[in-house]
Amino acid sequence: MTLPQAEALEAGMELPDDVLQKETVLYTVLDKPAVPAILLCVEEWHLDNFPEKVNVETFPFSPRKASHELIAWMFNEIRIIYLGETEVPNE
C-alpha cells in the first residue's frame, strides 16, 4: 500500500468526537471519508449499474442502504489488508 493510500485509509478510520457522541449517525457521514480511500485502492470496477469512470463525484450514494453496505464492506476489506499482521486473529 502506498503512502497516499495509507493516509486516506487512516483518515477514513477516524471519526470526529462529535460524530461518535451522536445517537444516530447518517450513512453519508460514515461513508464520505471512506470513499477517497477506496478510490485510491481499487484499480478496476466491474460492477453492474456503476459509472464507467468512478471518482468522488460519480460514486453512487443511492440507494443509500445498499451503497453504504458496499462502501463499508470494501473499506473493511482494504483495512484488513492495511493492518495485515498487526491484528492477531482469534485462535
C-alpha atoms as a PDB file:
ATOM      1  CA  MET A   1       0.000   0.000   0.000  1.00  0.00           C
ATOM      2  CA  THR A   2       1.366   3.432  -0.892  1.00  0.00           C
ATOM      3  CA  LEU A   3       1.643   6.380   1.488  1.00  0.00           C
ATOM      4  CA  PRO A   4      -1.307   8.253  -0.106  1.00  0.00           C
ATOM      5  CA  GLN A   5      -3.434   5.091   0.132  1.00  0.00           C
ATOM      6  CA  ALA A   6      -2.460   4.533   3.780  1.00  0.00           C
ATOM      7  CA  GLU A   7      -3.127   8.170   4.677  1.00  0.00           C
ATOM      8  CA  ALA A   8      -6.550   8.101   3.010  1.00  0.00           C
ATOM      9  CA  LEU A   9      -7.408   4.851   4.772  1.00  0.00           C
ATOM     10  CA  GLU A  10      -6.347   6.218   8.168  1.00  0.00           C
ATOM     11  CA  ALA A  11      -8.391   9.370   7.541  1.00  0.00           C
ATOM     12  CA  GLY A  12     -11.398   7.186   6.801  1.00  0.00           C
ATOM     13  CA  MET A  13     -10.901   5.250  10.026  1.00  0.00           C
ATOM     14  CA  GLU A  14     -11.044   8.392  12.184  1.00  0.00           C
ATOM     15  CA  LEU A  15     -14.361   9.950  13.088  1.00  0.00           C
ATOM     16  CA  PRO A  16     -14.613  13.275  14.936  1.00  0.00           C
ATOM     17  CA  ASP A  17     -15.733  13.116  18.572  1.00  0.00           C
ATOM     18  CA  ASP A  18     -18.961  14.991  17.821  1.00  0.00           C
ATOM     19  CA  VAL A  19     -19.934  12.256  15.352  1.00  0.00           C
ATOM     20  CA  LEU A  20     -19.092   9.481  17.800  1.00  0.00           C
ATOM     21  CA  GLN A  21     -21.215  11.093  20.511  1.00  0.00           C
ATOM     22  CA  LYS A  22     -24.374  11.261  18.390  1.00  0.00           C
ATOM     23  CA  GLU A  23     -27.051   8.686  18.995  1.00  0.00           C
ATOM     24  CA  THR A  24     -27.790   8.442  15.271  1.00  0.00           C
ATOM     25  CA  VAL A  25     -25.141   8.884  12.591  1.00  0.00           C
ATOM     26  CA  LEU A  26     -26.167   9.201   8.956  1.00  0.00           C
ATOM     27  CA  TYR A  27     -24.610   6.773   6.499  1.00  0.00           C
ATOM     28  CA  THR A  28     -23.169   9.648   4.479  1.00  0.00           C
ATOM     29  CA  VAL A  29     -21.171  10.919   7.472  1.00  0.00           C
ATOM     30  CA  LEU A  30     -19.588   7.470   7.784  1.00  0.00           C
ATOM     31  CA  ASP A  31     -19.099   6.912   4.058  1.00  0.00           C
ATOM     32  CA  LYS A  32     -17.754  10.274   2.896  1.00  0.00           C
ATOM     33  CA  PRO A  33     -14.232   9.802   4.347  1.00  0.00           C
ATOM     34  CA  ALA A  34     -14.114   6.142   3.245  1.00  0.00           C
ATOM     35  CA  VAL A  35     -14.743   6.703  -0.460  1.00  0.00           C
ATOM     36  CA  PRO A  36     -11.438   8.510  -1.239  1.00  0.00           C
ATOM     37  CA  ALA A  37      -9.501   5.621   0.304  1.00  0.00           C
ATOM     38  CA  ILE A  38     -11.498   3.092  -1.674  1.00  0.00           C
ATOM     39  CA  LEU A  39     -10.930   5.027  -4.896  1.00  0.00           C
ATOM     40  CA  LEU A  40      -7.174   5.157  -4.295  1.00  0.00           C
ATOM     41  CA  CYS A  41      -7.012   1.408  -3.694  1.00  0.00           C
ATOM     42  CA  VAL A  42      -9.362  -0.007  -6.337  1.00  0.00           C
ATOM     43  CA  GLU A  43      -7.848  -0.087  -9.816  1.00  0.00           C
ATOM     44  CA  GLU A  44     -10.788  -1.501 -11.792  1.00  0.00           C
ATOM     45  CA  TRP A  45     -14.548  -1.597 -11.344  1.00  0.00           C
ATOM     46  CA  HIS A  46     -16.646  -4.437 -12.706  1.00  0.00           C
ATOM     47  CA  LEU A  47     -19.981  -3.782 -11.033  1.00  0.00           C
ATOM     48  CA  ASP A  48     -23.398  -3.598 -12.624  1.00  0.00           C
ATOM     49  CA  ASN A  49     -25.017  -0.158 -12.672  1.00  0.00           C
ATOM     50  CA  PHE A  50     -21.764   1.606 -11.790  1.00  0.00           C
ATOM     51  CA  PRO A  51     -20.370   4.550 -13.752  1.00  0.00           C
ATOM     52  CA  GLU A  52     -17.666   3.750 -16.261  1.00  0.00           C
ATOM     53  CA  LYS A  53     -15.321   6.267 -14.641  1.00  0.00           C
ATOM     54  CA  VAL A  54     -15.656   6.146 -10.860  1.00  0.00           C
ATOM     55  CA  ASN A  55     -14.486   9.116  -8.803  1.00  0.00           C
ATOM     56  CA  VAL A  56     -15.720  11.066  -5.788  1.00  0.00           C
ATOM     57  CA  GLU A  57     -18.264  12.940  -7.893  1.00  0.00           C
ATOM     58  CA  THR A  58     -19.649   9.853  -9.653  1.00  0.00           C
ATOM     59  CA  PHE A  59     -19.529   7.270  -6.855  1.00  0.00           C
ATOM     60  CA  PRO A  60     -23.130   6.135  -6.312  1.00  0.00           C
ATOM     61  CA  PHE A  61     -24.567   7.164  -2.955  1.00  0.00           C
ATOM     62  CA  SER A  62     -28.033   5.775  -3.592  1.00  0.00           C
ATOM     63  CA  PRO A  63     -29.895   3.688  -2.898  1.00  0.00           C
ATOM     64  CA  ARG A  64     -28.403   4.760   0.422  1.00  0.00           C
ATOM     65  CA  LYS A  65     -28.550   1.482   2.373  1.00  0.00           C
ATOM     66  CA  ALA A  66     -27.101  -0.617  -0.457  1.00  0.00           C
ATOM     67  CA  SER A  67     -24.431   1.975  -1.208  1.00  0.00           C
ATOM     68  CA  HIS A  68     -23.475   2.186   2.467  1.00  0.00           C
ATOM     69  CA  GLU A  69     -23.207  -1.606   2.717  1.00  0.00           C
ATOM     70  CA  LEU A  70     -20.929  -1.717  -0.346  1.00  0.00           C
ATOM     71  CA  ILE A  71     -18.728   1.109   0.963  1.00  0.00           C
ATOM     72  CA  ALA A  72     -18.486  -0.436   4.433  1.00  0.00           C
ATOM     73  CA  TRP A  73     -17.603  -3.858   3.016  1.00  0.00           C
ATOM     74  CA  MET A  74     -14.969  -2.504   0.609  1.00  0.00           C
ATOM     75  CA  PHE A  75     -13.425  -0.214   3.221  1.00  0.00           C
ATOM     76  CA  ASN A  76     -13.209  -3.060   5.717  1.00  0.00           C
ATOM     77  CA  GLU A  77     -11.542  -5.371   3.183  1.00  0.00           C
ATOM     78  CA  ILE A  78      -8.943  -2.691   2.418  1.00  0.00           C
ATOM     79  CA  ARG A  79      -8.498  -2.078   6.155  1.00  0.00           C
ATOM     80  CA  ILE A  80      -7.754  -5.781   6.660  1.00  0.00           C
ATOM     81  CA  ILE A  81      -5.019  -5.598   4.005  1.00  0.00           C
ATOM     82  CA  TYR A  82      -3.611  -2.428   5.561  1.00  0.00           C
ATOM     83  CA  LEU A  83      -3.498  -3.826   9.105  1.00  0.00           C
ATOM     84  CA  GLY A  84      -2.016  -7.099   7.907  1.00  0.00           C
ATOM     85  CA  GLU A  85      -0.246  -8.857  10.696  1.00  0.00           C
ATOM     86  CA  THR A  86      -0.767  -6.110  13.290  1.00  0.00           C
ATOM     87  CA  GLU A  87      -4.020  -7.778  14.337  1.00  0.00           C
ATOM     88  CA  VAL A  88      -3.652 -11.277  15.724  1.00  0.00           C
ATOM     89  CA  PRO A  89      -6.595 -13.471  14.690  1.00  0.00           C
ATOM     90  CA  ASN A  90      -8.570 -15.311  17.348  1.00  0.00           C
ATOM     91  CA  GLU A  91      -7.314 -18.874  17.502  1.00  0.00           C
END
